[in-house]
N, C-alpha and C. Protein backbone atom coordinates (compact mmCIF):
# COMPACT_ATOMS: atom_id res chain seq x y z
N UNK A 1 114.03 26.82 9.54
CA UNK A 1 114.96 25.92 10.25
C UNK A 1 115.63 26.70 11.38
N UNK A 2 115.66 26.09 12.54
CA UNK A 2 116.34 26.72 13.67
C UNK A 2 117.84 26.52 13.51
N UNK A 3 118.59 27.61 13.64
CA UNK A 3 120.04 27.57 13.42
C UNK A 3 120.73 26.63 14.41
N UNK A 4 120.25 26.61 15.64
CA UNK A 4 120.86 25.73 16.65
C UNK A 4 120.75 24.26 16.22
N UNK A 5 119.60 23.87 15.70
CA UNK A 5 119.42 22.49 15.24
C UNK A 5 120.26 22.22 14.00
N UNK A 6 120.33 23.17 13.08
CA UNK A 6 121.17 23.02 11.89
C UNK A 6 122.63 22.84 12.30
N UNK A 7 123.09 23.62 13.27
CA UNK A 7 124.47 23.50 13.75
C UNK A 7 124.72 22.13 14.35
N UNK A 8 123.75 21.61 15.09
CA UNK A 8 123.87 20.27 15.66
C UNK A 8 123.99 19.22 14.56
N UNK A 9 123.14 19.32 13.55
CA UNK A 9 123.17 18.37 12.43
C UNK A 9 124.54 18.43 11.74
N UNK A 10 125.00 19.64 11.43
CA UNK A 10 126.30 19.79 10.77
C UNK A 10 127.41 19.16 11.60
N UNK A 11 127.38 19.39 12.90
CA UNK A 11 128.39 18.84 13.80
C UNK A 11 128.34 17.31 13.81
N UNK A 12 127.14 16.75 13.84
CA UNK A 12 127.00 15.29 13.83
C UNK A 12 127.54 14.70 12.54
N UNK A 13 127.20 15.31 11.42
CA UNK A 13 127.64 14.79 10.12
C UNK A 13 129.15 14.91 9.97
N UNK A 14 129.70 16.05 10.38
CA UNK A 14 131.15 16.26 10.26
C UNK A 14 131.93 15.39 11.25
N UNK A 15 131.32 15.09 12.39
CA UNK A 15 132.03 14.38 13.45
C UNK A 15 131.98 12.86 13.35
N UNK A 16 131.24 12.34 12.39
CA UNK A 16 131.08 10.88 12.27
C UNK A 16 131.25 10.47 10.82
N UNK A 17 132.25 9.64 10.52
CA UNK A 17 132.48 9.26 9.13
C UNK A 17 131.34 8.45 8.53
N UNK A 18 130.63 7.71 9.37
CA UNK A 18 129.48 6.91 8.92
C UNK A 18 128.36 7.19 9.92
N UNK A 19 127.32 7.86 9.46
CA UNK A 19 126.25 8.30 10.36
C UNK A 19 124.90 7.98 9.74
N UNK A 20 124.06 7.33 10.53
CA UNK A 20 122.71 6.98 10.09
C UNK A 20 121.69 7.70 10.95
N UNK A 21 120.87 8.52 10.32
CA UNK A 21 119.70 9.08 10.99
C UNK A 21 118.57 8.08 10.76
N UNK A 22 118.02 7.58 11.84
CA UNK A 22 117.06 6.48 11.73
C UNK A 22 115.98 6.61 12.79
N UNK A 23 114.95 5.78 12.65
CA UNK A 23 113.90 5.68 13.66
C UNK A 23 114.25 4.51 14.55
N UNK A 24 114.56 4.83 15.82
CA UNK A 24 114.97 3.81 16.78
C UNK A 24 116.48 3.71 16.84
N UNK A 25 116.96 2.53 17.22
CA UNK A 25 118.40 2.28 17.34
C UNK A 25 118.74 1.04 16.52
N UNK A 26 120.03 0.82 16.23
CA UNK A 26 120.40 -0.39 15.50
C UNK A 26 119.93 -1.67 16.20
N UNK A 27 119.91 -1.65 17.53
CA UNK A 27 119.47 -2.82 18.28
C UNK A 27 117.95 -2.95 18.31
N UNK A 28 117.25 -1.83 18.13
CA UNK A 28 115.78 -1.84 18.18
C UNK A 28 115.21 -0.83 17.18
N UNK A 29 115.35 -1.10 15.88
CA UNK A 29 114.79 -0.19 14.87
C UNK A 29 113.28 -0.07 15.03
N UNK A 30 112.76 1.13 14.78
CA UNK A 30 111.34 1.37 14.96
C UNK A 30 110.57 1.46 13.63
N UNK A 31 111.24 1.11 12.53
CA UNK A 31 110.53 0.99 11.26
C UNK A 31 111.30 0.02 10.37
N UNK A 32 110.61 -0.57 9.43
CA UNK A 32 111.23 -1.57 8.56
C UNK A 32 112.33 -1.01 7.69
N UNK A 33 112.19 0.24 7.24
CA UNK A 33 113.22 0.84 6.40
C UNK A 33 114.51 1.06 7.18
N UNK A 34 114.38 1.51 8.43
CA UNK A 34 115.56 1.67 9.28
C UNK A 34 116.20 0.31 9.55
N UNK A 35 115.38 -0.71 9.81
CA UNK A 35 115.91 -2.05 10.08
C UNK A 35 116.69 -2.58 8.88
N UNK A 36 116.16 -2.40 7.69
CA UNK A 36 116.81 -2.88 6.47
C UNK A 36 118.15 -2.17 6.26
N UNK A 37 118.17 -0.86 6.47
CA UNK A 37 119.39 -0.08 6.29
C UNK A 37 120.45 -0.51 7.30
N UNK A 38 120.05 -0.71 8.54
CA UNK A 38 120.98 -1.17 9.58
C UNK A 38 121.58 -2.52 9.19
N UNK A 39 120.77 -3.43 8.67
CA UNK A 39 121.29 -4.75 8.28
C UNK A 39 122.36 -4.62 7.19
N UNK A 40 122.15 -3.72 6.23
CA UNK A 40 123.15 -3.50 5.19
C UNK A 40 124.44 -2.96 5.79
N UNK A 41 124.32 -2.01 6.72
CA UNK A 41 125.52 -1.44 7.34
C UNK A 41 126.26 -2.46 8.19
N UNK A 42 125.52 -3.23 8.97
CA UNK A 42 126.15 -4.26 9.81
C UNK A 42 126.90 -5.26 8.92
N UNK A 43 126.31 -5.63 7.80
CA UNK A 43 126.95 -6.58 6.89
C UNK A 43 128.25 -6.04 6.31
N UNK A 44 128.41 -4.72 6.29
CA UNK A 44 129.65 -4.11 5.80
C UNK A 44 130.79 -4.25 6.81
N UNK A 45 130.46 -4.52 8.07
CA UNK A 45 131.46 -4.85 9.06
C UNK A 45 132.19 -3.69 9.72
N UNK A 46 131.70 -2.48 9.57
CA UNK A 46 132.36 -1.33 10.20
C UNK A 46 131.41 -0.69 11.21
N UNK A 47 132.01 -0.05 12.22
CA UNK A 47 131.20 0.68 13.19
C UNK A 47 130.58 1.90 12.53
N UNK A 48 129.39 2.25 12.99
CA UNK A 48 128.74 3.45 12.49
C UNK A 48 128.00 4.12 13.64
N UNK A 49 127.86 5.42 13.53
CA UNK A 49 127.10 6.19 14.51
C UNK A 49 125.66 6.30 14.03
N UNK A 50 124.77 6.58 14.96
CA UNK A 50 123.38 6.77 14.58
C UNK A 50 122.75 7.84 15.45
N UNK A 51 121.69 8.44 14.95
CA UNK A 51 120.86 9.37 15.70
C UNK A 51 119.43 8.88 15.57
N UNK A 52 118.78 8.68 16.71
CA UNK A 52 117.37 8.27 16.73
C UNK A 52 116.52 9.52 16.57
N UNK A 53 115.92 9.69 15.39
CA UNK A 53 115.13 10.90 15.14
C UNK A 53 113.82 10.91 15.94
N UNK A 54 113.38 9.75 16.41
CA UNK A 54 112.18 9.71 17.23
C UNK A 54 112.45 10.36 18.59
N UNK A 55 113.67 10.23 19.07
CA UNK A 55 114.05 10.83 20.35
C UNK A 55 114.58 12.25 20.21
N UNK A 56 114.69 12.73 18.97
CA UNK A 56 115.20 14.07 18.70
C UNK A 56 114.25 14.78 17.74
N UNK A 57 113.10 15.25 18.25
CA UNK A 57 112.09 15.83 17.36
C UNK A 57 112.57 17.04 16.57
N UNK A 58 113.47 17.84 17.12
CA UNK A 58 113.98 18.99 16.37
C UNK A 58 114.76 18.53 15.14
N UNK A 59 115.59 17.50 15.32
CA UNK A 59 116.34 16.97 14.19
C UNK A 59 115.39 16.31 13.19
N UNK A 60 114.43 15.57 13.70
CA UNK A 60 113.45 14.92 12.81
C UNK A 60 112.73 15.94 11.94
N UNK A 61 112.42 17.10 12.51
CA UNK A 61 111.70 18.13 11.77
C UNK A 61 112.61 18.91 10.82
N UNK A 62 113.87 19.08 11.19
CA UNK A 62 114.78 19.96 10.45
C UNK A 62 115.58 19.23 9.37
N UNK A 63 116.00 18.01 9.63
CA UNK A 63 116.90 17.31 8.70
C UNK A 63 116.32 17.16 7.29
N UNK A 64 115.05 16.80 7.11
CA UNK A 64 114.55 16.67 5.73
C UNK A 64 114.72 17.95 4.91
N UNK A 65 114.49 19.09 5.54
CA UNK A 65 114.66 20.36 4.83
C UNK A 65 116.14 20.66 4.61
N UNK A 66 116.95 20.43 5.63
CA UNK A 66 118.39 20.68 5.52
C UNK A 66 119.01 19.83 4.41
N UNK A 67 118.64 18.56 4.37
CA UNK A 67 119.24 17.61 3.43
C UNK A 67 118.53 17.60 2.07
N UNK A 68 117.36 18.24 2.01
CA UNK A 68 116.53 18.15 0.81
C UNK A 68 116.22 16.69 0.49
N UNK A 69 115.95 15.93 1.55
CA UNK A 69 115.62 14.51 1.46
C UNK A 69 114.49 14.27 2.45
N UNK A 70 113.29 13.90 1.99
CA UNK A 70 112.11 13.96 2.85
C UNK A 70 111.93 12.84 3.86
N UNK A 71 112.64 11.72 3.70
CA UNK A 71 112.31 10.55 4.51
C UNK A 71 113.50 10.07 5.35
N UNK A 72 113.19 9.17 6.26
CA UNK A 72 114.20 8.49 7.08
C UNK A 72 114.12 7.01 6.78
N UNK A 73 115.23 6.31 6.87
CA UNK A 73 116.55 6.74 7.33
C UNK A 73 117.29 7.57 6.27
N UNK A 74 118.37 8.23 6.76
CA UNK A 74 119.29 8.96 5.90
C UNK A 74 120.70 8.55 6.30
N UNK A 75 121.47 8.06 5.33
CA UNK A 75 122.84 7.63 5.59
C UNK A 75 123.82 8.67 5.05
N UNK A 76 124.74 9.08 5.91
CA UNK A 76 125.82 10.00 5.53
C UNK A 76 127.14 9.27 5.65
N UNK A 77 127.95 9.36 4.62
CA UNK A 77 129.28 8.76 4.63
C UNK A 77 130.27 9.83 4.18
N UNK A 78 131.29 10.07 5.02
CA UNK A 78 132.27 11.09 4.69
C UNK A 78 131.66 12.47 4.54
N UNK A 79 130.61 12.75 5.30
CA UNK A 79 129.98 14.05 5.27
C UNK A 79 128.98 14.25 4.14
N UNK A 80 128.77 13.24 3.31
CA UNK A 80 127.87 13.36 2.17
C UNK A 80 126.66 12.44 2.35
N UNK A 81 125.50 12.94 1.96
CA UNK A 81 124.29 12.12 1.99
C UNK A 81 124.38 11.05 0.91
N UNK A 82 124.29 9.80 1.32
CA UNK A 82 124.26 8.69 0.38
C UNK A 82 122.83 8.46 -0.09
N UNK A 83 121.89 8.44 0.86
CA UNK A 83 120.49 8.26 0.52
C UNK A 83 119.75 7.52 1.61
N UNK A 84 118.60 6.99 1.24
CA UNK A 84 117.75 6.27 2.18
C UNK A 84 117.82 4.78 1.95
N UNK A 85 116.82 4.10 2.46
CA UNK A 85 116.80 2.64 2.46
C UNK A 85 116.96 2.04 1.07
N UNK A 86 116.20 2.52 0.10
CA UNK A 86 116.25 1.93 -1.24
C UNK A 86 117.64 2.06 -1.86
N UNK A 87 118.22 3.24 -1.76
CA UNK A 87 119.55 3.47 -2.34
C UNK A 87 120.60 2.65 -1.62
N UNK A 88 120.56 2.65 -0.28
CA UNK A 88 121.54 1.89 0.49
C UNK A 88 121.43 0.40 0.16
N UNK A 89 120.20 -0.11 0.09
CA UNK A 89 120.00 -1.52 -0.22
C UNK A 89 120.51 -1.86 -1.62
N UNK A 90 120.19 -1.01 -2.60
CA UNK A 90 120.69 -1.23 -3.96
C UNK A 90 122.21 -1.21 -4.01
N UNK A 91 122.81 -0.25 -3.31
CA UNK A 91 124.28 -0.17 -3.29
C UNK A 91 124.89 -1.40 -2.62
N UNK A 92 124.24 -1.88 -1.55
CA UNK A 92 124.73 -3.08 -0.87
C UNK A 92 124.66 -4.28 -1.81
N UNK A 93 123.53 -4.45 -2.46
CA UNK A 93 123.33 -5.60 -3.34
C UNK A 93 124.25 -5.57 -4.56
N UNK A 94 124.60 -4.39 -5.03
CA UNK A 94 125.48 -4.27 -6.20
C UNK A 94 126.96 -4.32 -5.83
N UNK A 95 127.25 -4.28 -4.51
CA UNK A 95 128.65 -4.32 -4.07
C UNK A 95 129.29 -2.94 -3.95
N UNK A 96 128.52 -1.88 -4.12
CA UNK A 96 129.07 -0.52 -4.04
C UNK A 96 129.18 0.01 -2.61
N UNK A 97 128.34 -0.48 -1.72
CA UNK A 97 128.28 0.09 -0.38
C UNK A 97 129.49 -0.27 0.46
N UNK A 98 129.89 -1.54 0.47
CA UNK A 98 130.96 -1.97 1.36
C UNK A 98 132.27 -1.21 1.13
N UNK A 99 132.75 -1.04 -0.11
CA UNK A 99 133.98 -0.27 -0.28
C UNK A 99 133.85 1.18 0.19
N UNK A 100 132.68 1.78 -0.02
CA UNK A 100 132.46 3.15 0.43
C UNK A 100 132.54 3.23 1.95
N UNK A 101 131.90 2.29 2.64
CA UNK A 101 131.90 2.25 4.10
C UNK A 101 133.31 1.97 4.61
N UNK A 102 133.99 1.01 4.02
CA UNK A 102 135.34 0.66 4.47
C UNK A 102 136.31 1.81 4.27
N UNK A 103 136.20 2.50 3.15
CA UNK A 103 137.08 3.64 2.89
C UNK A 103 136.87 4.74 3.94
N UNK A 104 135.63 5.03 4.28
CA UNK A 104 135.33 6.04 5.29
C UNK A 104 135.88 5.62 6.65
N UNK A 105 135.74 4.34 6.99
CA UNK A 105 136.25 3.84 8.27
C UNK A 105 137.78 3.88 8.31
N UNK A 106 138.42 3.51 7.21
CA UNK A 106 139.88 3.55 7.14
C UNK A 106 140.41 4.97 7.25
N UNK A 107 139.72 5.91 6.61
CA UNK A 107 140.11 7.32 6.69
C UNK A 107 140.03 7.80 8.13
N UNK A 108 138.98 7.39 8.83
CA UNK A 108 138.81 7.76 10.24
C UNK A 108 139.92 7.15 11.09
N UNK A 109 140.24 5.86 10.84
CA UNK A 109 141.31 5.21 11.58
C UNK A 109 142.63 5.90 11.35
N UNK A 110 142.91 6.31 10.12
CA UNK A 110 144.16 7.00 9.79
C UNK A 110 144.25 8.33 10.51
N UNK A 111 143.12 9.04 10.60
CA UNK A 111 143.10 10.32 11.30
C UNK A 111 143.30 10.13 12.80
N UNK A 112 142.75 9.04 13.34
CA UNK A 112 142.91 8.76 14.76
C UNK A 112 144.35 8.46 15.14
N UNK A 113 145.10 7.83 14.23
CA UNK A 113 146.49 7.46 14.54
C UNK A 113 147.47 8.56 14.15
N UNK A 114 147.03 9.56 13.43
CA UNK A 114 147.94 10.63 12.99
C UNK A 114 148.24 11.59 14.12
């Protein structure tokens, strides 16, 4: 793993309370798993950041090893890996995802006003 790319990943994860590494963008997902994950996040009603791994080949190559998670998308909330499409979808359907997303967004809002 290149240290420069690892530092970029760490900075992205730490700098965004809700971050999705995906193929494409929320407006134009480039795979069905990314599209499904985006729909779950949009339904939660909070803003989220994303990184298009197709446009960032170094991150695409490094993140699976860094995270010990082989596939995309990868959702990070509050600096922690939540999981990929299956986990995010299951959490959304069970009602676990929305409170997690809202709590992370509220924490960010509180930090912005402090």
